[in-house]
Amino acid sequence: MLISRRQPPGLRAAGPAWRCASFLIALGVLAPVLTLAWLAFGSGVGHWGPLFAHVLPQAALNTALLLAGVGTLVLVIGTGCAWLVTAHDFPGRGVLNWALLLPLAMPTYIVAFAYLDLLHPIGPVQGAIRWMLGFDSPRQFRLPDLRSMPGAIFVLGFVLYPYVYMTARAMFMTQPAHLLEAARTLGENRRGAFFRVALPLARPALAVGLSLALLETLNDIGASEFLGVNTLTVAVYTTWITRSDLAGAAQIACAMLFVVVALVWLERNGRQHQRFGSAQRMRAVQPRRLHGGAAWAATATAALPVLIGFVAPALYLVWESGKRLHQGGGISQGLVASLGNTLALAAGVTVVAVAAGLVVAWASRSQGTSLNRARWQARAATLGYAVPGTVLAIGLLTPALAFDAALAGAMGWQGLPLMGAGIVLVMACAIRFLAMPVGGIEAGLARIPPAIEQASRLLGETTGGTLRRVHLPLLQPAIAAGALLVFVDAMKELPATLLLRPANFDTLATWLYAEAARGTYEEGAIAALAIVVAGLLPVVLLARNQLGTTPAVTPPDTDPA
């Protein structure tokens, strides 16, 4: 009885060992950011002058323009497509409802890699346009160069819009239909009802999706560099690798953190108000059936982002890969080794991230006086998703090198054992993707009734035994989903892998990066295709779990509009 007054029945606080482990994990996530600040401000102000004069202004301007352009494009595409498939019925709607998520399987650098060849002045797209217009050479007609700011906005926008589409679609599906009907009764047309009722109700969800898309834009390095846009992320990479200036790279990375803080604030603010306008237990908006030209125009409009963001680059990769194999080139030993390295890295990151996520999620169940501390640790442990891979790598490098050198000296080893074995790279990726298993396992724990744990405790089971024999079997779907997301994202990770990989260690992402830098597209296409195939798995699960249910179609004669 005394226990039941202090905490919910059957739900006991995690022990000191769990809370200590969770604290160390949270500290490990925060350590790169703290190290970054120490590097930036502890190396003197001599670097800041040249940076402010020659590097930061242009890189910051390019980053701001890219974020503004991509943000506008993903809002327009994601919101428009979400409303189109929610409020209207047209041919192909059932397929497009989930197909609009497919660009999530395409990393931005792969789409840029594909379109650089597709839209080349002597490539297939411009060649077909010139043939139709009667021109013979690129001198007579050519499209604007893709290697530009508009080209980067185009590529990133059509790949990242699903973040807004997912959140907006979920919000539109739960909005009460009677609010739109009331607006129509008061004289608003359908467009006015959307802009004055449906869209304001969806603003919290749009803020969350937009912030996620912009964080991915800020993290991008491959697409921006391929397309000739010198962003802050590219500036960090070139300052460190090309100029061997770690302090200068850290100072640019600190400037990036201000942008990250603003985007995280946008997301947190959106999540705090996400319940605004929710409409559970109310009749949802029913899709209105379209006919004739309007129906086919809606189909074409919803299909265009899928064609640009997924179908065209995927077909290009299949074509180039098939051409490489048909010409007898085969698959090189280097590419096979890169595939093995990628799978090993992704497996290691998955094991570490899921284990750490289980510790953090279990420790956050603490009650009483340790509740706020446990929540702080859980939030700190999930901040890695907001830190770009380049920033994380810069901040992790110095403490990792110091520890590695001390370990080598104590054991009498040569070189840097942790860096050489890829352990530092695994830790960096695990920190970056830790939010995925933590969120999934916390949600899974919340769905387990306290009575189940209470019964286990009454039968004499310890806390650890209850976790092993009761919770872990029930958490298997949540753990499996989190592990899949971490595995696939680790396969696609480029910035951190480029900066922290051991010598002579290539993954599929870095192999593709090197092939694109050399302009050899055929073998790079095989690596890109393997990454895309792996990326399809979580997208299929996401479409099945989150967008599987669709409101029924309202017959024309009962349409309230």
Protein backbone atom coordinates (compact mmCIF):
# COMPACT_ATOMS: atom_id res chain seq x y z
CA MET A 1 0.00 0.00 0.00
CA LEU A 2 2.82 2.39 0.74
CA ILE A 3 4.33 1.70 -2.69
CA SER A 4 1.03 2.34 -4.44
CA ARG A 5 0.83 5.82 -2.93
CA ARG A 6 4.26 6.75 -4.25
CA GLN A 7 3.98 5.43 -7.82
CA PRO A 8 1.50 3.73 -10.16
CA PRO A 9 0.57 0.13 -9.24
CA GLY A 10 3.10 -2.33 -10.58
CA LEU A 11 5.37 0.35 -12.09
CA ARG A 12 8.63 0.53 -10.19
CA ALA A 13 11.38 3.04 -10.73
CA ALA A 14 14.46 1.89 -12.59
CA GLY A 15 17.37 1.01 -10.34
CA PRO A 16 20.48 3.15 -9.82
CA ALA A 17 22.46 1.15 -12.37
CA TRP A 18 19.89 1.88 -15.10
CA ARG A 19 19.75 5.58 -14.21
CA CYS A 20 23.55 5.81 -14.14
CA ALA A 21 23.81 4.12 -17.55
CA SER A 22 21.16 6.47 -18.95
CA PHE A 23 23.07 9.46 -17.56
CA LEU A 24 26.29 8.29 -19.22
CA ILE A 25 24.50 7.83 -22.55
CA ALA A 26 23.01 11.33 -22.34
CA LEU A 27 26.44 12.71 -21.45
CA GLY A 28 27.94 10.90 -24.42
CA VAL A 29 25.40 12.53 -26.75
CA LEU A 30 26.11 16.00 -25.32
CA ALA A 31 29.90 15.55 -25.28
CA PRO A 32 30.45 16.31 -29.02
CA VAL A 33 28.51 19.58 -28.73
CA LEU A 34 30.44 20.63 -25.62
CA THR A 35 33.73 19.67 -27.27
CA LEU A 36 32.78 21.64 -30.35
CA ALA A 37 32.23 24.77 -28.29
CA TRP A 38 35.57 24.25 -26.53
CA LEU A 39 37.36 23.84 -29.87
CA ALA A 40 35.71 26.90 -31.38
CA PHE A 41 36.28 29.32 -28.52
CA GLY A 42 39.41 27.80 -27.01
CA SER A 43 41.61 28.10 -30.10
CA GLY A 44 41.76 31.88 -30.05
CA VAL A 45 40.04 34.47 -32.18
CA GLY A 46 42.61 34.45 -34.95
CA HIS A 47 40.49 32.14 -37.10
CA TRP A 48 37.33 34.19 -36.77
CA GLY A 49 38.59 37.13 -38.83
CA PRO A 50 39.27 35.22 -42.07
CA LEU A 51 36.14 33.13 -41.55
CA PHE A 52 33.90 36.18 -41.19
CA ALA A 53 35.62 37.87 -44.12
CA HIS A 54 35.77 35.07 -46.67
CA VAL A 55 33.87 31.93 -45.68
CA LEU A 56 30.91 32.50 -43.38
CA PRO A 57 29.07 35.30 -45.26
CA GLN A 58 28.69 33.40 -48.54
CA ALA A 59 28.17 30.00 -46.90
CA ALA A 60 25.59 31.42 -44.49
CA LEU A 61 23.78 33.21 -47.31
CA ASN A 62 23.73 30.06 -49.44
CA THR A 63 22.45 28.03 -46.49
CA ALA A 64 19.70 30.56 -45.76
CA LEU A 65 18.61 30.66 -49.42
CA LEU A 66 18.66 26.87 -49.64
CA LEU A 67 16.62 26.45 -46.45
CA ALA A 68 14.11 29.09 -47.57
CA GLY A 69 13.72 27.58 -51.03
CA VAL A 70 13.48 23.98 -49.86
CA GLY A 71 11.12 24.97 -47.03
CA THR A 72 8.76 26.70 -49.44
CA LEU A 73 8.83 23.84 -51.92
CA VAL A 74 8.24 21.06 -49.37
CA LEU A 75 5.39 23.03 -47.80
CA VAL A 76 3.65 23.54 -51.13
CA ILE A 77 4.15 19.97 -52.38
CA GLY A 78 3.59 18.18 -49.08
CA THR A 79 0.55 20.17 -47.97
CA GLY A 80 -1.02 20.24 -51.42
CA CYS A 81 -0.66 16.50 -51.99
CA ALA A 82 -1.84 15.69 -48.46
CA TRP A 83 -5.04 17.69 -48.93
CA LEU A 84 -5.54 16.35 -52.44
CA VAL A 85 -5.50 12.67 -51.40
CA THR A 86 -7.45 13.35 -48.19
CA ALA A 87 -10.29 15.50 -49.47
CA HIS A 88 -10.70 14.18 -53.03
CA ASP A 89 -11.18 10.87 -54.78
CA PHE A 90 -9.68 10.39 -58.25
CA PRO A 91 -8.15 7.61 -60.37
CA GLY A 92 -5.04 6.15 -58.75
CA ARG A 93 -5.67 7.76 -55.36
CA GLY A 94 -5.27 4.47 -53.48
CA VAL A 95 -1.79 3.94 -54.95
CA LEU A 96 -0.65 7.54 -54.72
CA ASN A 97 -1.76 7.68 -51.10
CA TRP A 98 1.31 5.59 -50.14
CA ALA A 99 3.45 6.15 -53.24
CA LEU A 100 3.92 9.79 -52.22
CA LEU A 101 6.15 8.46 -49.43
CA LEU A 102 8.56 6.71 -51.81
CA PRO A 103 11.06 9.61 -52.13
CA LEU A 104 11.96 8.92 -48.49
CA ALA A 105 13.84 5.87 -49.80
CA MET A 106 16.06 8.10 -51.97
CA PRO A 107 18.93 9.86 -50.17
CA THR A 108 19.39 13.39 -51.44
CA TYR A 109 22.89 12.75 -52.75
CA ILE A 110 21.63 9.82 -54.85
CA VAL A 111 18.91 11.93 -56.48
CA ALA A 112 21.46 14.66 -57.22
CA PHE A 113 23.79 12.00 -58.63
CA ALA A 114 21.03 10.72 -60.93
CA TYR A 115 19.77 14.10 -62.15
CA LEU A 116 23.27 15.37 -62.92
CA ASP A 117 23.41 12.73 -65.63
CA LEU A 118 19.73 12.80 -66.62
CA LEU A 119 19.69 16.59 -67.08
CA HIS A 120 23.17 16.91 -68.54
CA PRO A 121 23.24 19.05 -71.72
CA ILE A 122 23.95 15.89 -73.75
CA GLY A 123 21.84 13.66 -71.49
CA PRO A 124 18.58 11.88 -72.36
CA VAL A 125 16.13 14.53 -71.13
CA GLN A 126 17.62 17.52 -72.91
CA GLY A 127 18.34 15.38 -75.97
CA ALA A 128 14.65 14.38 -76.17
CA ILE A 129 13.51 18.00 -75.76
CA ARG A 130 15.84 19.18 -78.53
CA TRP A 131 14.61 16.38 -80.80
CA MET A 132 10.99 17.39 -80.25
CA LEU A 133 11.80 21.08 -80.87
CA GLY A 134 13.93 20.38 -83.94
CA PHE A 135 17.29 21.46 -82.52
CA ASP A 136 20.53 19.63 -83.23
CA SER A 137 22.99 20.65 -80.52
CA PRO A 138 23.14 22.07 -76.99
CA ARG A 139 24.33 25.35 -78.47
CA GLN A 140 20.90 25.88 -79.98
CA PHE A 141 18.90 24.91 -76.87
CA ARG A 142 19.77 23.85 -73.35
CA LEU A 143 18.03 23.94 -70.00
CA PRO A 144 19.45 25.97 -67.10
CA ASP A 145 22.39 24.30 -65.40
CA LEU A 146 21.40 21.98 -62.56
CA ARG A 147 24.60 22.90 -60.72
CA SER A 148 23.08 25.97 -59.12
CA MET A 149 20.99 27.12 -56.18
CA PRO A 150 17.67 26.56 -58.04
CA GLY A 151 18.88 23.08 -59.00
CA ALA A 152 19.69 22.22 -55.38
CA ILE A 153 16.31 23.52 -54.22
CA PHE A 154 14.59 21.46 -56.93
CA VAL A 155 16.38 18.23 -55.99
CA LEU A 156 16.11 18.57 -52.22
CA GLY A 157 12.51 19.79 -52.31
CA PHE A 158 11.22 16.85 -54.34
CA VAL A 159 13.05 14.37 -52.09
CA LEU A 160 12.17 15.83 -48.67
CA TYR A 161 8.50 16.83 -49.15
CA PRO A 162 7.25 13.50 -47.61
CA TYR A 163 8.14 14.82 -44.14
CA VAL A 164 5.47 17.50 -44.54
CA TYR A 165 3.15 15.14 -46.42
CA MET A 166 3.13 12.60 -43.57
CA THR A 167 2.37 15.06 -40.80
CA ALA A 168 -0.14 17.08 -42.82
CA ARG A 169 -1.94 13.97 -44.07
CA ALA A 170 -2.32 12.65 -40.50
CA MET A 171 -3.70 16.00 -39.35
CA PHE A 172 -6.13 16.39 -42.26
CA MET A 173 -7.48 12.87 -41.69
CA THR A 174 -8.37 13.70 -38.07
CA GLN A 175 -9.95 17.09 -38.65
CA PRO A 176 -13.71 17.23 -37.94
CA ALA A 177 -15.79 17.45 -41.08
CA HIS A 178 -18.42 19.66 -39.42
CA LEU A 179 -15.98 22.61 -39.26
CA LEU A 180 -15.56 22.61 -43.03
CA GLU A 181 -19.30 22.14 -43.48
CA ALA A 182 -19.94 25.14 -41.22
CA ALA A 183 -17.55 27.24 -43.30
CA ARG A 184 -19.39 26.23 -46.49
CA THR A 185 -22.72 27.04 -44.84
CA LEU A 186 -21.43 30.51 -44.03
CA GLY A 187 -20.66 31.17 -47.67
CA GLU A 188 -17.04 30.04 -48.08
CA ASN A 189 -16.10 28.15 -51.23
CA ARG A 190 -13.91 25.05 -51.06
CA ARG A 191 -10.71 27.04 -51.49
CA GLY A 192 -11.68 29.45 -48.76
CA ALA A 193 -12.63 26.62 -46.40
CA PHE A 194 -9.22 25.05 -46.95
CA PHE A 195 -7.20 28.22 -46.39
CA ARG A 196 -9.30 29.57 -43.51
CA VAL A 197 -10.18 26.36 -41.66
CA ALA A 198 -8.25 23.22 -42.66
CA LEU A 199 -4.84 24.85 -43.12
CA PRO A 200 -4.78 26.80 -39.81
CA LEU A 201 -5.79 23.64 -37.95
CA ALA A 202 -2.85 21.80 -39.54
CA ARG A 203 -0.21 24.43 -38.72
CA PRO A 204 1.33 22.50 -35.78
CA ALA A 205 1.79 19.40 -37.93
CA LEU A 206 3.22 21.48 -40.78
CA ALA A 207 5.75 23.04 -38.39
CA VAL A 208 6.94 19.59 -37.30
CA GLY A 209 7.27 18.26 -40.86
CA LEU A 210 8.95 21.44 -42.08
CA SER A 211 11.53 21.40 -39.29
CA LEU A 212 12.42 17.76 -40.05
CA ALA A 213 12.84 18.52 -43.76
CA LEU A 214 15.04 21.54 -43.00
CA LEU A 215 17.19 19.54 -40.58
CA GLU A 216 17.79 17.01 -43.36
CA THR A 217 18.64 19.87 -45.72
CA LEU A 218 21.15 21.25 -43.22
CA ASN A 219 22.70 17.79 -42.77
CA ASP A 220 23.11 17.26 -46.52
CA ILE A 221 26.61 17.40 -47.92
CA GLY A 222 26.60 15.19 -51.01
CA ALA A 223 23.81 16.87 -52.99
CA SER A 224 24.98 20.38 -52.13
CA GLU A 225 28.56 19.64 -53.15
CA PHE A 226 27.53 17.79 -56.32
CA LEU A 227 25.35 20.75 -57.31
CA GLY A 228 27.97 23.40 -56.55
CA VAL A 229 26.26 25.08 -53.58
CA ASN A 230 28.72 26.00 -50.82
CA THR A 231 26.60 25.66 -47.68
CA LEU A 232 27.81 25.74 -44.08
CA THR A 233 27.95 21.94 -44.10
CA VAL A 234 30.16 21.88 -47.19
CA ALA A 235 32.31 24.64 -45.70
CA VAL A 236 32.89 22.54 -42.56
CA TYR A 237 33.97 19.57 -44.65
CA THR A 238 36.31 21.50 -46.96
CA THR A 239 37.83 23.50 -44.08
CA TRP A 240 38.67 20.33 -42.21
CA ILE A 241 39.65 17.97 -45.04
CA THR A 242 41.09 20.34 -47.64
CA ARG A 243 42.70 22.95 -45.38
CA SER A 244 43.35 20.68 -42.36
CA ASP A 245 41.95 23.40 -40.11
CA LEU A 246 40.04 21.67 -37.32
CA ALA A 247 39.57 24.83 -35.26
CA GLY A 248 38.14 26.71 -38.24
CA ALA A 249 35.81 23.81 -39.04
CA ALA A 250 34.65 23.80 -35.41
CA GLN A 251 33.90 27.52 -35.56
CA ILE A 252 31.80 27.10 -38.72
CA ALA A 253 30.05 24.16 -37.08
CA CYS A 254 29.18 26.37 -34.10
CA ALA A 255 27.52 28.78 -36.51
CA MET A 256 25.49 25.83 -37.82
CA LEU A 257 24.33 25.04 -34.29
CA PHE A 258 22.46 28.34 -34.14
CA VAL A 259 20.43 27.21 -37.17
CA VAL A 260 19.90 23.80 -35.55
CA VAL A 261 18.63 25.39 -32.33
CA ALA A 262 16.15 27.48 -34.32
CA LEU A 263 14.86 24.44 -36.20
CA VAL A 264 14.59 22.34 -33.02
CA TRP A 265 12.66 25.17 -31.38
CA LEU A 266 10.31 25.19 -34.38
CA GLU A 267 9.75 21.44 -34.02
CA ARG A 268 9.28 21.54 -30.25
CA ASN A 269 6.85 24.41 -30.54
CA GLY A 270 4.89 22.48 -33.15
CA ARG A 271 4.81 19.34 -31.01
CA GLN A 272 3.59 21.26 -27.96
CA HIS A 273 0.56 22.44 -29.91
CA GLN A 274 0.06 19.35 -32.06
CA ARG A 275 -3.14 18.48 -30.25
CA PHE A 276 -4.60 21.74 -31.51
CA GLY A 277 -7.50 20.93 -33.77
CA SER A 278 -7.44 17.17 -33.23
CA ALA A 279 -10.79 15.58 -33.73
CA GLN A 280 -10.96 12.11 -32.26
CA ARG A 281 -14.43 10.57 -32.08
CA MET A 282 -15.68 13.04 -34.68
CA ARG A 283 -16.63 12.40 -38.27
CA ALA A 284 -13.54 12.86 -40.44
CA VAL A 285 -13.41 14.72 -43.75
CA GLN A 286 -14.85 12.54 -46.49
CA PRO A 287 -13.13 12.61 -49.91
CA ARG A 288 -15.19 14.20 -52.66
CA ARG A 289 -15.31 12.27 -55.92
CA LEU A 290 -13.87 14.11 -58.94
CA HIS A 291 -14.94 13.46 -62.53
CA GLY A 292 -13.62 14.02 -66.03
CA GLY A 293 -10.71 16.34 -66.60
CA ALA A 294 -10.56 17.46 -62.97
CA ALA A 295 -10.06 13.85 -61.84
CA TRP A 296 -7.21 13.19 -64.27
CA ALA A 297 -5.63 16.57 -63.47
CA ALA A 298 -5.64 15.58 -59.80
CA THR A 299 -4.00 12.25 -60.67
CA ALA A 300 -1.28 13.99 -62.67
CA THR A 301 -0.69 16.56 -59.93
CA ALA A 302 -0.29 13.94 -57.20
CA ALA A 303 1.83 11.68 -59.42
CA LEU A 304 4.31 14.39 -60.45
CA PRO A 305 6.24 14.50 -57.13
CA VAL A 306 6.50 10.69 -57.15
CA LEU A 307 7.80 10.68 -60.72
CA ILE A 308 10.39 13.38 -60.04
CA GLY A 309 11.41 12.35 -56.53
CA PHE A 310 11.51 8.58 -56.98
CA VAL A 311 10.50 6.98 -60.28
CA ALA A 312 12.84 8.91 -62.63
CA PRO A 313 16.02 8.54 -60.54
CA ALA A 314 15.17 4.91 -59.67
CA LEU A 315 14.68 3.99 -63.34
CA TYR A 316 17.95 5.74 -64.16
CA LEU A 317 19.79 3.70 -61.54
CA VAL A 318 18.26 0.46 -62.86
CA TRP A 319 19.19 1.39 -66.43
CA GLU A 320 22.77 2.35 -65.62
CA SER A 321 23.27 -0.70 -63.43
CA GLY A 322 21.88 -2.98 -66.16
CA LYS A 323 24.09 -1.32 -68.76
CA ARG A 324 27.14 -1.85 -66.59
CA LEU A 325 26.34 -5.55 -66.12
CA HIS A 326 25.36 -6.06 -69.79
CA GLN A 327 28.64 -4.62 -71.04
CA GLY A 328 30.52 -7.23 -69.04
CA GLY A 329 31.87 -4.80 -66.49
CA GLY A 330 30.44 -6.81 -63.63
CA ILE A 331 30.73 -5.74 -60.04
CA SER A 332 34.20 -4.79 -58.91
CA GLN A 333 35.84 -6.22 -55.81
CA GLY A 334 35.95 -2.72 -54.36
CA LEU A 335 32.19 -2.41 -54.59
CA VAL A 336 31.71 -5.85 -53.01
CA ALA A 337 34.02 -4.82 -50.17
CA SER A 338 32.06 -1.58 -49.75
CA LEU A 339 28.82 -3.56 -49.49
CA GLY A 340 30.33 -5.75 -46.78
CA ASN A 341 31.62 -2.69 -44.91
CA THR A 342 28.21 -1.06 -45.15
CA LEU A 343 26.39 -4.08 -43.74
CA ALA A 344 28.93 -4.46 -40.93
CA LEU A 345 28.72 -0.76 -40.04
CA ALA A 346 24.91 -0.74 -40.12
CA ALA A 347 24.73 -3.88 -37.98
CA GLY A 348 27.12 -2.45 -35.39
CA VAL A 349 25.28 0.87 -35.24
CA THR A 350 21.95 -0.94 -34.89
CA VAL A 351 23.12 -3.08 -31.97
CA VAL A 352 24.62 -0.11 -30.10
CA ALA A 353 21.70 2.25 -30.78
CA VAL A 354 18.98 -0.26 -29.85
CA ALA A 355 20.78 -1.32 -26.66
CA ALA A 356 21.31 2.32 -25.64
CA GLY A 357 17.73 3.17 -26.57
CA LEU A 358 16.42 0.36 -24.36
CA VAL A 359 18.48 1.63 -21.42
CA VAL A 360 17.30 5.22 -21.85
CA ALA A 361 13.65 4.27 -22.35
CA TRP A 362 13.64 1.90 -19.36
CA ALA A 363 15.38 4.44 -17.10
CA SER A 364 12.91 7.17 -18.10
CA ARG A 365 10.16 5.20 -16.34
CA SER A 366 11.59 6.51 -13.05
CA GLN A 367 9.04 7.95 -10.69
CA GLY A 368 9.02 10.36 -7.76
CA THR A 369 12.00 12.64 -7.22
CA SER A 370 13.96 11.22 -10.18
CA LEU A 371 11.19 11.80 -12.74
CA ASN A 372 12.44 15.17 -14.02
CA ARG A 373 16.04 13.95 -14.15
CA ALA A 374 15.03 10.86 -16.10
CA ARG A 375 13.06 12.94 -18.57
CA TRP A 376 16.01 15.30 -19.02
CA GLN A 377 18.29 12.37 -19.73
CA ALA A 378 15.85 10.92 -22.26
CA ARG A 379 15.56 14.25 -24.08
CA ALA A 380 19.32 14.81 -24.07
CA ALA A 381 19.91 11.30 -25.42
CA THR A 382 17.67 11.99 -28.43
CA LEU A 383 19.23 15.31 -29.45
CA GLY A 384 21.63 13.60 -31.83
CA TYR A 385 19.05 13.50 -34.65
CA ALA A 386 19.10 17.30 -34.76
CA VAL A 387 22.89 17.61 -35.02
CA PRO A 388 24.22 17.39 -38.60
CA GLY A 389 26.65 14.55 -39.21
CA THR A 390 29.53 16.91 -39.98
CA VAL A 391 29.02 18.80 -36.71
CA LEU A 392 28.80 15.55 -34.77
CA ALA A 393 31.98 14.24 -36.38
CA ILE A 394 33.93 17.44 -35.60
CA GLY A 395 32.84 17.39 -31.96
CA LEU A 396 33.50 13.67 -31.50
CA LEU A 397 36.92 13.60 -33.12
CA THR A 398 38.98 15.34 -30.41
CA PRO A 399 37.81 13.33 -27.36
CA ALA A 400 37.92 10.13 -29.43
CA LEU A 401 41.51 10.78 -30.52
CA ALA A 402 42.57 11.63 -26.96
CA PHE A 403 41.00 8.47 -25.56
CA ASP A 404 42.35 6.40 -28.45
CA ALA A 405 45.90 7.65 -27.91
CA ALA A 406 45.69 7.02 -24.16
CA LEU A 407 44.36 3.50 -24.75
CA ALA A 408 47.08 2.72 -27.28
CA GLY A 409 49.76 4.00 -24.90
CA ALA A 410 48.42 2.02 -21.96
CA MET A 411 48.17 -1.21 -23.96
CA GLY A 412 51.40 -0.73 -25.92
CA TRP A 413 49.59 -0.75 -29.27
CA GLN A 414 50.59 1.08 -32.43
CA GLY A 415 48.31 3.60 -34.14
CA LEU A 416 44.77 4.45 -33.11
CA PRO A 417 42.86 1.23 -32.40
CA LEU A 418 39.38 2.71 -31.98
CA MET A 419 39.57 4.89 -35.09
CA GLY A 420 41.20 2.12 -37.11
CA ALA A 421 38.55 -0.42 -36.13
CA GLY A 422 35.68 1.95 -37.00
CA ILE A 423 34.41 2.06 -33.41
CA VAL A 424 34.36 5.86 -33.38
CA LEU A 425 32.30 5.87 -36.58
CA VAL A 426 29.85 3.38 -35.05
CA MET A 427 29.50 5.57 -31.95
CA ALA A 428 28.90 8.69 -34.05
CA CYS A 429 26.14 7.04 -36.09
CA ALA A 430 24.59 5.51 -32.97
CA ILE A 431 24.43 8.96 -31.33
CA ARG A 432 22.86 10.43 -34.45
CA PHE A 433 20.16 7.77 -34.78
CA LEU A 434 19.50 7.07 -31.08
CA ALA A 435 16.21 9.00 -31.17
CA MET A 436 14.58 6.30 -33.33
CA PRO A 437 14.81 3.34 -30.92
CA VAL A 438 14.21 5.54 -27.87
CA GLY A 439 10.98 6.92 -29.29
CA GLY A 440 9.74 3.53 -30.45
CA ILE A 441 10.56 1.72 -27.21
CA GLU A 442 9.04 4.49 -25.07
CA ALA A 443 5.84 4.25 -27.10
CA GLY A 444 5.88 0.46 -26.72
CA LEU A 445 6.36 0.69 -22.93
CA ALA A 446 3.47 3.15 -22.67
CA ARG A 447 1.15 0.57 -24.24
CA ILE A 448 2.00 -2.18 -21.74
CA PRO A 449 -0.54 -2.16 -18.87
CA PRO A 450 1.03 -1.71 -15.40
CA ALA A 451 -1.02 -4.68 -14.19
CA ILE A 452 1.20 -7.04 -16.20
CA GLU A 453 4.31 -5.84 -14.42
CA GLN A 454 2.47 -5.92 -11.09
CA ALA A 455 1.57 -9.57 -11.63
CA SER A 456 5.18 -10.40 -12.42
CA ARG A 457 6.39 -8.67 -9.28
CA LEU A 458 3.79 -10.44 -7.12
CA LEU A 459 5.07 -13.75 -8.46
CA GLY A 460 8.52 -12.91 -7.11
CA GLU A 461 10.26 -11.70 -10.29
CA THR A 462 12.99 -9.06 -10.00
CA THR A 463 13.04 -5.81 -12.01
CA GLY A 464 15.61 -7.21 -14.43
CA GLY A 465 13.73 -10.48 -14.73
CA THR A 466 10.50 -8.62 -15.43
CA LEU A 467 12.19 -6.69 -18.20
CA ARG A 468 13.69 -9.85 -19.69
CA ARG A 469 10.70 -12.17 -19.40
CA VAL A 470 7.74 -9.77 -19.69
CA HIS A 471 8.62 -6.49 -21.36
CA LEU A 472 11.13 -7.58 -23.98
CA PRO A 473 8.75 -10.10 -25.61
CA LEU A 474 6.01 -7.47 -25.70
CA LEU A 475 8.44 -4.85 -27.04
CA GLN A 476 9.65 -6.98 -29.95
CA PRO A 477 7.62 -5.10 -32.63
CA ALA A 478 8.80 -1.68 -31.37
CA ILE A 479 12.41 -2.85 -31.09
CA ALA A 480 12.32 -4.43 -34.55
CA ALA A 481 10.88 -1.27 -36.13
CA GLY A 482 13.49 0.93 -34.44
CA ALA A 483 16.29 -1.44 -35.43
CA LEU A 484 15.15 -1.43 -39.07
CA LEU A 485 15.08 2.37 -39.21
CA VAL A 486 18.53 2.64 -37.63
CA PHE A 487 19.98 -0.04 -39.94
CA VAL A 488 18.75 1.62 -43.12
CA ASP A 489 19.72 5.15 -42.06
CA ALA A 490 23.20 3.92 -41.11
CA MET A 491 23.54 2.44 -44.60
CA LYS A 492 22.67 5.82 -46.12
CA GLU A 493 24.73 8.04 -43.80
CA LEU A 494 27.32 10.05 -45.73
CA PRO A 495 28.64 13.10 -43.78
CA ALA A 496 29.78 11.31 -40.61
CA THR A 497 31.09 8.34 -42.62
CA LEU A 498 33.17 10.58 -44.87
CA LEU A 499 34.84 12.29 -41.91
CA LEU A 500 35.31 9.43 -39.41
CA ARG A 501 35.85 6.30 -41.52
CA PRO A 502 39.10 4.38 -41.11
CA ALA A 503 41.73 4.45 -43.82
CA ASN A 504 40.87 2.37 -46.90
CA PHE A 505 37.34 1.85 -45.59
CA ASP A 506 34.50 2.58 -48.02
CA THR A 507 30.78 2.14 -47.60
CA LEU A 508 28.27 2.23 -50.43
CA ALA A 509 27.63 5.91 -49.68
CA THR A 510 31.29 6.91 -49.76
CA TRP A 511 31.88 4.71 -52.82
CA LEU A 512 29.08 6.53 -54.63
CA TYR A 513 30.49 9.88 -53.48
CA ALA A 514 33.90 9.01 -54.92
CA GLU A 515 32.43 7.73 -58.20
CA ALA A 516 30.38 10.91 -58.63
CA ALA A 517 33.44 13.04 -57.92
CA ARG A 518 35.29 11.18 -60.69
CA GLY A 519 32.30 11.37 -63.05
CA THR A 520 32.05 7.56 -63.43
CA TYR A 521 28.33 7.00 -63.13
CA GLU A 522 27.91 3.36 -64.17
CA GLU A 523 29.43 1.64 -61.13
CA GLY A 524 28.22 4.36 -58.81
CA ALA A 525 24.70 3.55 -59.98
CA ILE A 526 25.01 -0.01 -58.65
CA ALA A 527 25.96 1.27 -55.19
CA ALA A 528 23.14 3.81 -55.29
CA LEU A 529 20.62 1.16 -56.34
CA ALA A 530 21.60 -1.07 -53.40
CA ILE A 531 21.06 1.83 -50.98
CA VAL A 532 17.66 2.63 -52.49
CA VAL A 533 16.49 -1.00 -52.31
CA ALA A 534 17.42 -1.09 -48.62
CA GLY A 535 15.68 2.23 -48.05
CA LEU A 536 12.41 0.91 -49.46
CA LEU A 537 11.88 -1.43 -46.49
CA PRO A 538 11.08 1.19 -43.81
CA VAL A 539 9.08 3.25 -46.31
CA VAL A 540 6.85 0.25 -47.05
CA LEU A 541 6.34 -0.34 -43.33
CA LEU A 542 5.62 3.34 -42.77
CA ALA A 543 3.04 3.40 -45.56
CA ARG A 544 1.42 0.25 -44.22
CA ASN A 545 1.23 1.37 -40.59
CA GLN A 546 0.47 5.08 -40.87
CA LEU A 547 -1.39 5.50 -44.14
CA GLY A 548 -3.13 2.19 -44.45
CA THR A 549 -6.56 3.47 -43.48
CA THR A 550 -8.39 5.88 -45.73
CA PRO A 551 -11.79 7.45 -45.19
CA ALA A 552 -14.58 6.17 -47.33
CA VAL A 553 -15.67 8.08 -50.40
CA THR A 554 -18.70 10.28 -50.02
CA PRO A 555 -21.28 9.67 -52.79
CA PRO A 556 -21.91 12.73 -54.98
CA ASP A 557 -25.54 13.09 -53.91
CA THR A 558 -24.67 13.29 -50.18
CA ASP A 559 -21.67 15.62 -50.54
CA PRO A 560 -22.24 18.45 -48.04
CA ALA A 561 -20.38 20.84 -50.33
